[in-house]
Amino acid sequence: MSTIRERNKELILRAASEEFADKGFAATKTSDIAAKAGLPKPNVYYYFKSKENLYREVLESIIVPILQASTPFNPDGVPSEVLSGYIRSKIRISRDLPFASKVFASEIMHGAPHLSADLVEQLNGQAKHNIDCIQSWIDRGQIAPIDPNHLMFSIWAATQTYADFDWQISAVTGKENLDEADYEAAAQTIIRLVLKGCEPDQ
């Protein structure tokens, strides 16, 4: 029974991610989510109680891996290893959770009205922790004296674009969907640009 429950919840979450990414929160109908999931509309309310709760679940489905991606960050870590691991984790999020990524991006662009204060605090705390780690590397001369805030912003933009701007990427590459080799090339390119840019000044 629990297997059926988890399967149904996963189907609804996946369908909701696509609908919210395509139409936004206000324009999305629970009936459309149910239809895309291939389940009766009452199932949406049975598992999630309301459209608002379902939307928050979609957001949380990507916030958890976003927070986990920063695990390698610590002042004593090797900068090249930490930054490479972080970039690869962020690329995986864009590859595996593209619709939830779009929902998250839209939420942030609108001032995060549906994110709880606790989640906002976690996200901001994570960003500050990462930036403090980068600053510690700068202070010890391990990387170039670049602005740590803008380094983080650049990594976010470079990695999240593979989910948030997939239409443009498809138009330029001529591919409807990127494959594993494309994502590996993306990770290697971003890593090279970041690590070269972070090399200490001679």
Protein backbone atom coordinates (compact mmCIF):
# COMPACT_ATOMS: atom_id res chain seq x y z
CA MET A 1 0.00 0.00 0.00
CA SER A 2 2.80 2.39 0.87
CA THR A 3 4.44 1.60 -2.48
CA ILE A 4 1.28 2.66 -4.32
CA ARG A 5 1.05 5.77 -2.16
CA GLU A 6 4.65 6.77 -2.87
CA ARG A 7 4.22 6.05 -6.59
CA ASN A 8 1.09 8.20 -6.77
CA LYS A 9 2.71 11.04 -4.84
CA GLU A 10 5.72 10.93 -7.16
CA LEU A 11 3.47 11.00 -10.24
CA ILE A 12 1.58 14.00 -8.88
CA LEU A 13 4.76 15.86 -7.88
CA ARG A 14 6.29 15.32 -11.31
CA ALA A 15 3.13 16.45 -13.07
CA ALA A 16 2.80 19.45 -10.75
CA SER A 17 6.40 20.48 -11.43
CA GLU A 18 5.70 20.55 -15.15
CA GLU A 19 2.40 22.41 -14.82
CA PHE A 20 3.74 25.01 -12.36
CA ALA A 21 6.85 25.51 -14.51
CA ASP A 22 4.74 25.99 -17.64
CA LYS A 23 1.86 28.08 -16.26
CA GLY A 24 2.90 29.47 -12.90
CA PHE A 25 1.13 28.95 -9.60
CA ALA A 26 -1.99 31.06 -10.18
CA ALA A 27 -2.85 29.69 -13.64
CA THR A 28 -2.26 26.03 -12.80
CA LYS A 29 -5.36 23.92 -12.15
CA THR A 30 -5.34 20.82 -9.98
CA SER A 31 -7.45 19.10 -12.63
CA ASP A 32 -4.63 19.60 -15.16
CA ILE A 33 -2.10 18.21 -12.68
CA ALA A 34 -4.27 15.15 -12.08
CA ALA A 35 -4.77 14.60 -15.81
CA LYS A 36 -1.02 14.81 -16.50
CA ALA A 37 -0.37 12.39 -13.62
CA GLY A 38 -3.03 10.00 -14.95
CA LEU A 39 -4.88 10.01 -11.63
CA PRO A 40 -8.32 11.17 -10.44
CA LYS A 41 -8.44 14.80 -9.24
CA PRO A 42 -9.43 13.80 -5.66
CA ASN A 43 -6.07 12.03 -5.35
CA VAL A 44 -4.30 15.40 -5.51
CA TYR A 45 -6.23 16.61 -2.47
CA TYR A 46 -5.97 13.26 -0.72
CA TYR A 47 -2.17 13.31 -0.81
CA PHE A 48 -1.46 17.05 -0.65
CA LYS A 49 -4.63 18.67 0.80
CA SER A 50 -4.36 21.83 -1.34
CA LYS A 51 -2.68 23.34 -4.40
CA GLU A 52 -0.63 25.54 -2.07
CA ASN A 53 0.77 22.52 -0.21
CA LEU A 54 1.57 20.78 -3.48
CA TYR A 55 3.40 23.87 -4.74
CA ARG A 56 5.47 23.99 -1.55
CA GLU A 57 6.30 20.31 -1.95
CA VAL A 58 7.57 20.99 -5.47
CA LEU A 59 9.75 23.78 -4.10
CA GLU A 60 11.07 21.60 -1.30
CA SER A 61 11.87 18.81 -3.77
CA ILE A 62 14.60 21.01 -5.23
CA ILE A 63 15.62 22.95 -2.13
CA VAL A 64 16.82 19.77 -0.43
CA PRO A 65 19.34 18.90 -3.19
CA ILE A 66 20.33 22.58 -3.46
CA LEU A 67 21.26 22.55 0.22
CA GLN A 68 22.99 19.17 -0.09
CA ALA A 69 25.10 20.44 -3.00
CA SER A 70 27.02 22.69 -0.60
CA THR A 71 28.15 19.83 1.66
CA PRO A 72 31.78 19.93 0.40
CA PHE A 73 32.21 23.61 1.33
CA ASN A 74 34.54 24.04 4.30
CA PRO A 75 37.47 26.40 4.92
CA ASP A 76 39.97 23.51 5.07
CA GLY A 77 38.77 21.97 1.81
CA VAL A 78 40.82 22.06 -1.39
CA PRO A 79 39.27 24.90 -3.42
CA SER A 80 39.52 23.13 -6.79
CA GLU A 81 37.89 19.97 -5.42
CA VAL A 82 35.13 21.82 -3.56
CA LEU A 83 34.24 24.08 -6.48
CA SER A 84 34.35 21.21 -9.00
CA GLY A 85 32.10 19.06 -6.81
CA TYR A 86 29.67 21.92 -6.26
CA ILE A 87 29.44 22.70 -9.98
CA ARG A 88 28.82 19.04 -10.82
CA SER A 89 26.08 18.83 -8.17
CA LYS A 90 24.39 21.94 -9.55
CA ILE A 91 24.52 20.58 -13.10
CA ARG A 92 22.94 17.30 -11.88
CA ILE A 93 20.09 19.28 -10.30
CA SER A 94 19.43 21.05 -13.61
CA ARG A 95 19.55 17.71 -15.44
CA ASP A 96 17.40 15.70 -13.01
CA LEU A 97 14.96 18.37 -11.77
CA PRO A 98 14.53 20.82 -14.65
CA PHE A 99 10.87 21.67 -14.01
CA ALA A 100 11.28 22.09 -10.27
CA SER A 101 14.29 24.30 -11.04
CA LYS A 102 12.11 26.56 -13.18
CA VAL A 103 9.49 26.72 -10.43
CA PHE A 104 12.19 27.66 -7.92
CA ALA A 105 13.62 30.34 -10.24
CA SER A 106 10.17 31.84 -10.76
CA GLU A 107 9.52 31.80 -7.02
CA ILE A 108 12.77 33.66 -6.34
CA MET A 109 12.10 36.20 -9.10
CA HIS A 110 8.74 36.99 -7.48
CA GLY A 111 10.24 37.55 -4.04
CA ALA A 112 9.78 34.00 -2.67
CA PRO A 113 6.16 34.51 -1.47
CA HIS A 114 5.56 30.79 -0.87
CA LEU A 115 8.85 29.90 0.79
CA SER A 116 8.71 29.54 4.55
CA ALA A 117 10.91 31.78 6.67
CA ASP A 118 12.80 28.67 7.79
CA LEU A 119 13.68 27.66 4.22
CA VAL A 120 14.70 31.21 3.31
CA GLU A 121 16.95 31.26 6.37
CA GLN A 122 18.49 27.91 5.38
CA LEU A 123 19.16 29.05 1.81
CA ASN A 124 20.65 32.37 2.91
CA GLY A 125 22.69 30.64 5.62
CA GLN A 126 24.02 28.17 3.09
CA ALA A 127 25.02 30.95 0.69
CA LYS A 128 26.77 32.87 3.48
CA HIS A 129 28.63 29.74 4.57
CA ASN A 130 29.86 29.10 1.03
CA ILE A 131 30.89 32.71 0.54
CA ASP A 132 32.74 32.74 3.88
CA CYS A 133 34.64 29.61 2.79
CA ILE A 134 35.64 31.26 -0.47
CA GLN A 135 36.77 34.37 1.44
CA SER A 136 38.92 32.22 3.73
CA TRP A 137 40.66 30.74 0.66
CA ILE A 138 41.24 34.25 -0.67
CA ASP A 139 42.65 35.40 2.68
CA ARG A 140 45.13 32.48 2.66
CA GLY A 141 46.15 33.15 -0.95
CA GLN A 142 44.74 29.85 -2.20
CA ILE A 143 42.65 31.53 -4.88
CA ALA A 144 42.66 34.92 -6.58
CA PRO A 145 41.21 37.92 -4.71
CA ILE A 146 37.90 37.93 -6.58
CA ASP A 147 34.55 38.95 -5.12
CA PRO A 148 33.17 35.76 -3.47
CA ASN A 149 29.57 36.91 -3.82
CA HIS A 150 29.84 37.34 -7.56
CA LEU A 151 31.70 34.05 -7.92
CA MET A 152 28.71 32.28 -6.36
CA PHE A 153 26.24 34.23 -8.51
CA SER A 154 28.20 33.27 -11.62
CA ILE A 155 28.20 29.58 -10.73
CA TRP A 156 24.46 29.66 -10.02
CA ALA A 157 23.76 31.35 -13.36
CA ALA A 158 26.03 29.07 -15.37
CA THR A 159 24.63 25.83 -13.93
CA GLN A 160 20.95 26.69 -13.58
CA THR A 161 20.71 27.95 -17.15
CA TYR A 162 20.64 24.31 -18.32
CA ALA A 163 17.23 23.93 -16.70
CA ASP A 164 15.79 27.42 -16.73
CA PHE A 165 16.71 28.27 -20.34
CA ASP A 166 16.38 24.83 -21.91
CA TRP A 167 14.31 26.18 -24.82
CA GLN A 168 17.11 28.51 -25.86
CA ILE A 169 19.72 25.77 -25.45
CA SER A 170 17.63 23.43 -27.61
CA ALA A 171 17.25 26.14 -30.26
CA VAL A 172 20.99 26.78 -30.40
CA THR A 173 22.15 23.14 -30.26
CA GLY A 174 19.36 21.76 -32.43
CA LYS A 175 18.72 19.06 -29.82
CA GLU A 176 15.33 18.57 -28.19
CA ASN A 177 17.04 17.11 -25.13
CA LEU A 178 20.65 17.18 -24.01
CA ASP A 179 22.34 13.83 -23.35
CA GLU A 180 24.89 12.74 -20.75
CA ALA A 181 27.80 13.84 -22.94
CA ASP A 182 26.30 17.34 -23.19
CA TYR A 183 25.94 17.68 -19.42
CA GLU A 184 29.48 16.37 -18.91
CA ALA A 185 30.77 18.92 -21.43
CA ALA A 186 28.84 21.64 -19.61
CA ALA A 187 30.31 20.64 -16.24
CA GLN A 188 33.86 20.46 -17.61
CA THR A 189 33.53 23.84 -19.35
CA ILE A 190 32.18 25.64 -16.28
CA ILE A 191 34.76 23.98 -14.01
CA ARG A 192 37.59 25.05 -16.30
CA LEU A 193 36.37 28.63 -16.49
CA VAL A 194 35.89 28.90 -12.73
CA LEU A 195 39.15 27.22 -11.71
CA LYS A 196 41.21 29.19 -14.24
CA GLY A 197 39.55 32.37 -13.08
CA CYS A 198 40.30 31.49 -9.45
CA GLU A 199 43.99 30.76 -9.97
CA PRO A 200 46.10 32.93 -7.62
CA ASP A 201 47.70 35.94 -9.26
CA GLN A 202 51.38 35.48 -10.11
